[in-house]
Amino acid sequence: MRYVLAAFATILTAGVCTAAPTDDGQRADKIDGLVRIVGAQAGIVLHCRQFYAIDDKVSDGLSRTVRLTLDQSLGPKQAQTAVDDEGKRLAQEIAEVGPERWCADQRTILNTEGVRVFLD
C-alpha cells in the first residue's frame, strides 16, 4: 500500500519543484491540483465518514506527501494560504451539492485512480 501511495504522489508531484520558467502555466495547474488534493482529503475526513469507511492511513499519507511538496514548491506560508483558500472554496462546494453527493463523487473518482481512500 505504501508503494502505491508513494507512486501516486510521485506522479502527481513530478516536475512541480523543477518547472522551467516557460512552464509557469503547467506549474500553476499542478500546484492547483495538489492544493485540491489536500482540500479533498480534509473534506473526506470531515464529511464522508458518516456515509463510507475511510482508510485513514491512505488519506493521511496522501495529504502529508502532497503537503510536503506544496511547502517545498511555494514555501510554507504561501502553501498554507493556498490550502486555506481551497478549504473555503471546498466548504462552499460541499454546502451547494450536499455532503452525501460530494462524498459519493469523491469516492467514484478516488477509487478508480488506484488509491483507495474509501474502503467500502
Protein backbone atom coordinates (compact mmCIF):
# COMPACT_ATOMS: atom_id res chain seq x y z
CA MET A 1 0.00 0.00 0.00
CA ARG A 2 2.82 2.42 0.82
CA TYR A 3 4.37 1.80 -2.58
CA VAL A 4 1.12 2.55 -4.37
CA LEU A 5 0.68 5.75 -2.36
CA ALA A 6 4.27 6.80 -2.98
CA ALA A 7 3.98 6.10 -6.70
CA PHE A 8 0.71 8.02 -6.95
CA ALA A 9 2.15 11.00 -5.08
CA THR A 10 5.30 10.94 -7.21
CA ILE A 11 3.26 11.07 -10.39
CA LEU A 12 1.21 13.96 -9.07
CA THR A 13 4.18 15.95 -7.85
CA ALA A 14 6.66 15.25 -10.64
CA GLY A 15 8.10 18.42 -12.02
CA VAL A 16 6.34 20.85 -9.68
CA CYS A 17 9.53 21.91 -7.92
CA THR A 18 11.68 21.95 -11.05
CA ALA A 19 9.41 23.56 -13.63
CA ALA A 20 11.18 25.84 -16.10
CA PRO A 21 10.07 29.48 -16.33
CA THR A 22 8.35 28.78 -19.66
CA ASP A 23 6.22 26.17 -17.96
CA ASP A 24 4.62 28.58 -15.45
CA GLY A 25 1.10 27.70 -16.60
CA GLN A 26 1.71 23.99 -16.22
CA ARG A 27 3.36 24.51 -12.85
CA ALA A 28 0.39 26.59 -11.66
CA ASP A 29 -2.00 23.87 -12.83
CA LYS A 30 -0.02 21.20 -10.97
CA ILE A 31 0.10 23.26 -7.80
CA ASP A 32 -3.64 23.92 -8.05
CA GLY A 33 -4.19 20.18 -8.39
CA LEU A 34 -2.04 19.48 -5.34
CA VAL A 35 -3.92 22.08 -3.30
CA ARG A 36 -7.19 20.44 -4.34
CA ILE A 37 -5.91 17.04 -3.20
CA VAL A 38 -5.15 18.41 0.27
CA GLY A 39 -8.57 20.08 0.39
CA ALA A 40 -10.36 16.98 -0.82
CA GLN A 41 -8.70 14.81 1.82
CA ALA A 42 -9.76 17.27 4.53
CA GLY A 43 -13.31 17.27 3.15
CA ILE A 44 -13.37 13.49 3.05
CA VAL A 45 -12.20 13.20 6.66
CA LEU A 46 -14.70 15.82 7.85
CA HIS A 47 -17.80 14.84 5.86
CA CYS A 48 -17.61 11.36 4.39
CA ARG A 49 -17.25 9.15 7.47
CA GLN A 50 -21.00 9.26 8.03
CA PHE A 51 -21.51 7.63 4.62
CA TYR A 52 -18.38 5.49 3.99
CA ALA A 53 -15.46 3.83 5.73
CA ILE A 54 -12.26 5.81 5.16
CA ASP A 55 -8.71 4.41 5.09
CA ASP A 56 -7.05 6.91 7.42
CA LYS A 57 -3.53 5.71 6.60
CA VAL A 58 -4.00 6.29 2.89
CA SER A 59 -5.78 9.61 3.34
CA ASP A 60 -3.25 10.94 5.84
CA GLY A 61 -0.29 9.69 3.82
CA LEU A 62 -1.61 11.30 0.66
CA SER A 63 -2.22 14.60 2.44
CA ARG A 64 1.21 14.65 4.08
CA THR A 65 3.06 13.75 0.90
CA VAL A 66 1.27 16.35 -1.18
CA ARG A 67 1.53 19.00 1.54
CA LEU A 68 5.30 18.48 1.77
CA THR A 69 5.56 19.09 -1.97
CA LEU A 70 3.44 22.23 -1.68
CA ASP A 71 5.63 23.54 1.14
CA GLN A 72 8.74 22.92 -0.96
CA SER A 73 7.23 24.47 -4.08
CA LEU A 74 5.56 27.54 -2.58
CA GLY A 75 7.06 27.93 0.85
CA PRO A 76 5.12 27.05 3.99
CA LYS A 77 3.25 30.36 4.36
CA GLN A 78 2.08 30.55 0.76
CA ALA A 79 1.18 26.86 0.81
CA GLN A 80 -0.91 27.38 3.95
CA THR A 81 -2.68 30.34 2.36
CA ALA A 82 -3.47 28.27 -0.74
CA VAL A 83 -4.78 25.39 1.38
CA ASP A 84 -6.89 27.79 3.48
CA ASP A 85 -8.38 29.35 0.34
CA GLU A 86 -9.15 25.89 -1.04
CA GLY A 87 -10.81 24.96 2.24
CA LYS A 88 -13.17 27.92 1.89
CA ARG A 89 -13.93 27.08 -1.74
CA LEU A 90 -14.50 23.44 -0.89
CA ALA A 91 -16.79 24.23 2.03
CA GLN A 92 -18.97 26.25 -0.32
CA GLU A 93 -18.98 23.45 -2.91
CA ILE A 94 -19.97 20.86 -0.31
CA ALA A 95 -22.72 23.15 1.01
CA GLU A 96 -24.08 23.61 -2.53
CA VAL A 97 -24.20 19.95 -3.57
CA GLY A 98 -24.59 18.42 -0.13
CA PRO A 99 -22.10 16.21 1.68
CA GLU A 100 -23.65 12.91 0.61
CA ARG A 101 -23.43 13.75 -3.10
CA TRP A 102 -19.96 15.30 -2.76
CA CYS A 103 -18.67 12.24 -0.92
CA ALA A 104 -20.17 9.88 -3.49
CA ASP A 105 -18.43 11.84 -6.24
CA GLN A 106 -15.10 11.73 -4.40
CA ARG A 107 -15.48 8.00 -3.80
CA THR A 108 -16.07 7.40 -7.51
CA ILE A 109 -13.07 9.50 -8.52
CA LEU A 110 -10.62 8.23 -5.93
CA ASN A 111 -11.46 4.57 -6.01
CA THR A 112 -10.91 4.42 -9.78
CA GLU A 113 -7.48 6.11 -9.71
CA GLY A 114 -5.74 3.26 -7.89
CA VAL A 115 -5.61 4.89 -4.45
CA ARG A 116 -8.37 3.56 -2.26
CA VAL A 117 -9.19 6.21 0.31
CA PHE A 118 -12.68 4.78 0.67
CA LEU A 119 -12.84 1.22 1.95
CA ASP A 120 -16.45 0.44 1.00
